[in-house]
Amino acid sequence: MADDLHNRGPQDRARVNTSEAWELKYWTKEFGVTEEQLKAAVKAVGPMVVDVRKKLGK
């Protein structure tokens, strides 16, 4: 199934995907952090939004 480029939200809103550029842009804006901070948080706690949010203190 091809990506829907008109849908700017994440495909799975429960997980942070840092491998897709548009999702990376979405999540950095959502959390108000840099790409490096987001990737470090995902690496530390995994891709679940709840865990990343806690790690980032958001």
PDB file of N, CA and C in Angstrom:
ATOM      1  N   MET A   1       0.845  -1.177   0.000  1.00  0.00           N
ATOM      2  CA  MET A   1       0.000   0.000   0.000  1.00  0.00           C
ATOM      3  C   MET A   1       0.885   1.232   0.000  1.00  0.00           C
ATOM      4  N   ALA A   2       0.642   2.147  -0.858  1.00  0.00           N
ATOM      5  CA  ALA A   2       1.451   3.358  -0.970  1.00  0.00           C
ATOM      6  C   ALA A   2       1.094   4.348   0.132  1.00  0.00           C
ATOM      7  N   ASP A   3       2.079   5.169   0.506  1.00  0.00           N
ATOM      8  CA  ASP A   3       1.833   6.219   1.485  1.00  0.00           C
ATOM      9  C   ASP A   3       0.884   7.257   0.913  1.00  0.00           C
ATOM     10  N   ASP A   4      -0.021   7.745   1.751  1.00  0.00           N
ATOM     11  CA  ASP A   4      -0.921   8.824   1.365  1.00  0.00           C
ATOM     12  C   ASP A   4      -0.251  10.127   1.757  1.00  0.00           C
ATOM     13  N   LEU A   5       0.324  10.822   0.796  1.00  0.00           N
ATOM     14  CA  LEU A   5       1.083  12.034   1.085  1.00  0.00           C
ATOM     15  C   LEU A   5       0.204  13.207   1.480  1.00  0.00           C
ATOM     16  N   HIS A   6      -1.094  13.061   1.350  1.00  0.00           N
ATOM     17  CA  HIS A   6      -2.013  14.112   1.774  1.00  0.00           C
ATOM     18  C   HIS A   6      -2.343  13.984   3.257  1.00  0.00           C
ATOM     19  N   ASN A   7      -2.096  12.835   3.829  1.00  0.00           N
ATOM     20  CA  ASN A   7      -2.335  12.608   5.242  1.00  0.00           C
ATOM     21  C   ASN A   7      -1.059  12.956   5.992  1.00  0.00           C
ATOM     22  N   ARG A   8      -1.036  14.084   6.675  1.00  0.00           N
ATOM     23  CA  ARG A   8       0.185  14.560   7.326  1.00  0.00           C
ATOM     24  C   ARG A   8       0.353  14.084   8.757  1.00  0.00           C
ATOM     25  N   GLY A   9      -0.609  13.346   9.292  1.00  0.00           N
ATOM     26  CA  GLY A   9      -0.468  12.787  10.633  1.00  0.00           C
ATOM     27  C   GLY A   9       0.246  11.451  10.555  1.00  0.00           C
ATOM     28  N   PRO A  10       0.712  10.957  11.678  1.00  0.00           N
ATOM     29  CA  PRO A  10       1.400   9.660  11.678  1.00  0.00           C
ATOM     30  C   PRO A  10       0.452   8.524  11.327  1.00  0.00           C
ATOM     31  N   GLN A  11       0.991   7.492  10.738  1.00  0.00           N
ATOM     32  CA  GLN A  11       0.186   6.352  10.328  1.00  0.00           C
ATOM     33  C   GLN A  11      -0.366   5.623  11.553  1.00  0.00           C
ATOM     34  N   ASP A  12       0.450   5.463  12.573  1.00  0.00           N
ATOM     35  CA  ASP A  12       0.055   4.826  13.830  1.00  0.00           C
ATOM     36  C   ASP A  12       0.306   5.856  14.920  1.00  0.00           C
ATOM     37  N   ARG A  13      -0.741   6.469  15.424  1.00  0.00           N
ATOM     38  CA  ARG A  13      -0.588   7.563  16.388  1.00  0.00           C
ATOM     39  C   ARG A  13      -0.092   7.103  17.755  1.00  0.00           C
ATOM     40  N   ALA A  14       0.043   5.807  17.970  1.00  0.00           N
ATOM     41  CA  ALA A  14       0.549   5.294  19.234  1.00  0.00           C
ATOM     42  C   ALA A  14       2.062   5.082  19.198  1.00  0.00           C
ATOM     43  N   ARG A  15       2.664   5.190  18.015  1.00  0.00           N
ATOM     44  CA  ARG A  15       4.092   4.939  17.862  1.00  0.00           C
ATOM     45  C   ARG A  15       4.775   6.080  17.124  1.00  0.00           C
ATOM     46  N   VAL A  16       5.997   6.381  17.547  1.00  0.00           N
ATOM     47  CA  VAL A  16       6.819   7.390  16.881  1.00  0.00           C
ATOM     48  C   VAL A  16       7.690   6.665  15.867  1.00  0.00           C
ATOM     49  N   ASN A  17       7.571   7.048  14.603  1.00  0.00           N
ATOM     50  CA  ASN A  17       8.372   6.456  13.539  1.00  0.00           C
ATOM     51  C   ASN A  17       9.403   7.496  13.097  1.00  0.00           C
ATOM     52  N   THR A  18      10.670   7.220  13.349  1.00  0.00           N
ATOM     53  CA  THR A  18      11.721   8.170  12.973  1.00  0.00           C
ATOM     54  C   THR A  18      12.369   7.825  11.636  1.00  0.00           C
ATOM     55  N   SER A  19      11.869   6.805  10.952  1.00  0.00           N
ATOM     56  CA  SER A  19      12.482   6.421   9.682  1.00  0.00           C
ATOM     57  C   SER A  19      11.831   7.104   8.478  1.00  0.00           C
ATOM     58  N   GLU A  20      10.651   7.679   8.658  1.00  0.00           N
ATOM     59  CA  GLU A  20       9.980   8.417   7.587  1.00  0.00           C
ATOM     60  C   GLU A  20      10.180   9.908   7.842  1.00  0.00           C
ATOM     61  N   ALA A  21      10.687  10.633   6.854  1.00  0.00           N
ATOM     62  CA  ALA A  21      10.991  12.058   7.023  1.00  0.00           C
ATOM     63  C   ALA A  21       9.769  12.865   7.441  1.00  0.00           C
ATOM     64  N   TRP A  22       8.623  12.609   6.819  1.00  0.00           N
ATOM     65  CA  TRP A  22       7.432  13.395   7.157  1.00  0.00           C
ATOM     66  C   TRP A  22       6.921  13.081   8.551  1.00  0.00           C
ATOM     67  N   GLU A  23       7.071  11.843   9.018  1.00  0.00           N
ATOM     68  CA  GLU A  23       6.674  11.513  10.389  1.00  0.00           C
ATOM     69  C   GLU A  23       7.651  12.121  11.379  1.00  0.00           C
ATOM     70  N   LEU A  24       8.930  12.120  11.044  1.00  0.00           N
ATOM     71  CA  LEU A  24       9.934  12.750  11.897  1.00  0.00           C
ATOM     72  C   LEU A  24       9.614  14.235  12.061  1.00  0.00           C
ATOM     73  N   LYS A  25       9.251  14.880  10.976  1.00  0.00           N
ATOM     74  CA  LYS A  25       8.883  16.299  11.023  1.00  0.00           C
ATOM     75  C   LYS A  25       7.637  16.500  11.894  1.00  0.00           C
ATOM     76  N   TYR A  26       6.656  15.627  11.729  1.00  0.00           N
ATOM     77  CA  TYR A  26       5.428  15.722  12.521  1.00  0.00           C
ATOM     78  C   TYR A  26       5.727  15.610  14.016  1.00  0.00           C
ATOM     79  N   TRP A  27       6.499  14.587  14.399  1.00  0.00           N
ATOM     80  CA  TRP A  27       6.748  14.348  15.821  1.00  0.00           C
ATOM     81  C   TRP A  27       7.663  15.399  16.441  1.00  0.00           C
ATOM     82  N   THR A  28       8.625  15.921  15.699  1.00  0.00           N
ATOM     83  CA  THR A  28       9.464  16.982  16.265  1.00  0.00           C
ATOM     84  C   THR A  28       8.622  18.226  16.532  1.00  0.00           C
ATOM     85  N   LYS A  29       7.686  18.515  15.635  1.00  0.00           N
ATOM     86  CA  LYS A  29       6.794  19.659  15.844  1.00  0.00           C
ATOM     87  C   LYS A  29       5.836  19.378  17.004  1.00  0.00           C
ATOM     88  N   GLU A  30       5.304  18.186  17.055  1.00  0.00           N
ATOM     89  CA  GLU A  30       4.356  17.798  18.105  1.00  0.00           C
ATOM     90  C   GLU A  30       4.980  17.926  19.502  1.00  0.00           C
ATOM     91  N   PHE A  31       6.233  17.477  19.636  1.00  0.00           N
ATOM     92  CA  PHE A  31       6.900  17.512  20.939  1.00  0.00           C
ATOM     93  C   PHE A  31       7.721  18.777  21.164  1.00  0.00           C
ATOM     94  N   GLY A  32       7.955  19.547  20.118  1.00  0.00           N
ATOM     95  CA  GLY A  32       8.753  20.759  20.245  1.00  0.00           C
ATOM     96  C   GLY A  32      10.213  20.472  20.547  1.00  0.00           C
ATOM     97  N   VAL A  33      10.770  19.471  19.869  1.00  0.00           N
ATOM     98  CA  VAL A  33      12.160  19.067  20.081  1.00  0.00           C
ATOM     99  C   VAL A  33      12.881  18.959  18.735  1.00  0.00           C
ATOM    100  N   THR A  34      14.196  18.787  18.797  1.00  0.00           N
ATOM    101  CA  THR A  34      14.984  18.593  17.583  1.00  0.00           C
ATOM    102  C   THR A  34      14.904  17.123  17.153  1.00  0.00           C
ATOM    103  N   GLU A  35      15.336  16.870  15.923  1.00  0.00           N
ATOM    104  CA  GLU A  35      15.377  15.488  15.434  1.00  0.00           C
ATOM    105  C   GLU A  35      16.286  14.634  16.308  1.00  0.00           C
ATOM    106  N   GLU A  36      17.418  15.196  16.711  1.00  0.00           N
ATOM    107  CA  GLU A  36      18.371  14.453  17.529  1.00  0.00           C
ATOM    108  C   GLU A  36      17.771  14.093  18.890  1.00  0.00           C
ATOM    109  N   GLN A  37      17.058  15.032  19.502  1.00  0.00           N
ATOM    110  CA  GLN A  37      16.424  14.771  20.793  1.00  0.00           C
ATOM    111  C   GLN A  37      15.359  13.687  20.655  1.00  0.00           C
ATOM    112  N   LEU A  38      14.577  13.763  19.603  1.00  0.00           N
ATOM    113  CA  LEU A  38      13.523  12.775  19.377  1.00  0.00           C
ATOM    114  C   LEU A  38      14.115  11.393  19.150  1.00  0.00           C
ATOM    115  N   LYS A  39      15.119  11.309  18.294  1.00  0.00           N
ATOM    116  CA  LYS A  39      15.748  10.014  18.014  1.00  0.00           C
ATOM    117  C   LYS A  39      16.389   9.427  19.265  1.00  0.00           C
ATOM    118  N   ALA A  40      17.005  10.259  20.087  1.00  0.00           N
ATOM    119  CA  ALA A  40      17.620   9.786  21.332  1.00  0.00           C
ATOM    120  C   ALA A  40      16.564   9.251  22.293  1.00  0.00           C
ATOM    121  N   ALA A  41      15.432   9.935  22.376  1.00  0.00           N
ATOM    122  CA  ALA A  41      14.353   9.487  23.260  1.00  0.00           C
ATOM    123  C   ALA A  41      13.782   8.155  22.790  1.00  0.00           C
ATOM    124  N   VAL A  42      13.566   8.022  21.486  1.00  0.00           N
ATOM    125  CA  VAL A  42      13.043   6.762  20.936  1.00  0.00           C
ATOM    126  C   VAL A  42      14.046   5.636  21.162  1.00  0.00           C
ATOM    127  N   LYS A  43      15.306   5.922  20.999  1.00  0.00           N
ATOM    128  CA  LYS A  43      16.338   4.907  21.225  1.00  0.00           C
ATOM    129  C   LYS A  43      16.364   4.477  22.688  1.00  0.00           C
ATOM    130  N   ALA A  44      16.139   5.421  23.599  1.00  0.00           N
ATOM    131  CA  ALA A  44      16.198   5.132  25.031  1.00  0.00           C
ATOM    132  C   ALA A  44      14.980   4.361  25.539  1.00  0.00           C
ATOM    133  N   VAL A  45      13.768   4.720  25.066  1.00  0.00           N
ATOM    134  CA  VAL A  45      12.560   4.126  25.638  1.00  0.00           C
ATOM    135  C   VAL A  45      11.696   3.351  24.658  1.00  0.00           C
ATOM    136  N   GLY A  46      12.043   3.369  23.382  1.00  0.00           N
ATOM    137  CA  GLY A  46      11.240   2.673  22.381  1.00  0.00           C
ATOM    138  C   GLY A  46      10.282   3.622  21.687  1.00  0.00           C
ATOM    139  N   PRO A  47       9.482   3.118  20.745  1.00  0.00           N
ATOM    140  CA  PRO A  47       8.678   3.977  19.877  1.00  0.00           C
ATOM    141  C   PRO A  47       7.306   4.388  20.415  1.00  0.00           C
ATOM    142  N   MET A  48       6.891   3.897  21.549  1.00  0.00           N
ATOM    143  CA  MET A  48       5.556   4.219  22.044  1.00  0.00           C
ATOM    144  C   MET A  48       5.466   5.692  22.443  1.00  0.00           C
ATOM    145  N   VAL A  49       4.443   6.389  21.922  1.00  0.00           N
ATOM    146  CA  VAL A  49       4.284   7.828  22.146  1.00  0.00           C
ATOM    147  C   VAL A  49       4.240   8.157  23.632  1.00  0.00           C
ATOM    148  N   VAL A  50       3.535   7.373  24.420  1.00  0.00           N
ATOM    149  CA  VAL A  50       3.406   7.625  25.854  1.00  0.00           C
ATOM    150  C   VAL A  50       4.788   7.632  26.504  1.00  0.00           C
ATOM    151  N   ASP A  51       5.623   6.672  26.175  1.00  0.00           N
ATOM    152  CA  ASP A  51       6.956   6.567  26.762  1.00  0.00           C
ATOM    153  C   ASP A  51       7.869   7.705  26.287  1.00  0.00           C
ATOM    154  N   VAL A  52       7.797   8.029  25.000  1.00  0.00           N
ATOM    155  CA  VAL A  52       8.622   9.115  24.456  1.00  0.00           C
ATOM    156  C   VAL A  52       8.208  10.434  25.098  1.00  0.00           C
ATOM    157  N   ARG A  53       6.918  10.650  25.240  1.00  0.00           N
ATOM    158  CA  ARG A  53       6.408  11.884  25.864  1.00  0.00           C
ATOM    159  C   ARG A  53       6.955  12.025  27.294  1.00  0.00           C
ATOM    160  N   LYS A  54       6.937  10.933  28.048  1.00  0.00           N
ATOM    161  CA  LYS A  54       7.458  10.957  29.426  1.00  0.00           C
ATOM    162  C   LYS A  54       8.966  11.255  29.427  1.00  0.00           C
ATOM    163  N   LYS A  55       9.688  10.592  28.535  1.00  0.00           N
ATOM    164  CA  LYS A  55      11.142  10.780  28.446  1.00  0.00           C
ATOM    165  C   LYS A  55      11.491  12.231  28.135  1.00  0.00           C
ATOM    166  N   LEU A  56      10.706  12.851  27.243  1.00  0.00           N
ATOM    167  CA  LEU A  56      10.963  14.226  26.858  1.00  0.00           C
ATOM    168  C   LEU A  56      10.386  15.237  27.849  1.00  0.00           C
ATOM    169  N   GLY A  57       9.622  14.744  28.836  1.00  0.00           N
ATOM    170  CA  GLY A  57       9.019  15.627  29.824  1.00  0.00           C
ATOM    171  C   GLY A  57       7.891  16.469  29.260  1.00  0.00           C
ATOM    172  N   LYS A  58       7.163  15.924  28.303  1.00  0.00           N
ATOM    173  CA  LYS A  58       6.070  16.662  27.646  1.00  0.00           C
ATOM    174  C   LYS A  58       4.725  16.162  28.099  1.00  0.00           C
TER     175      LYS A  58
END
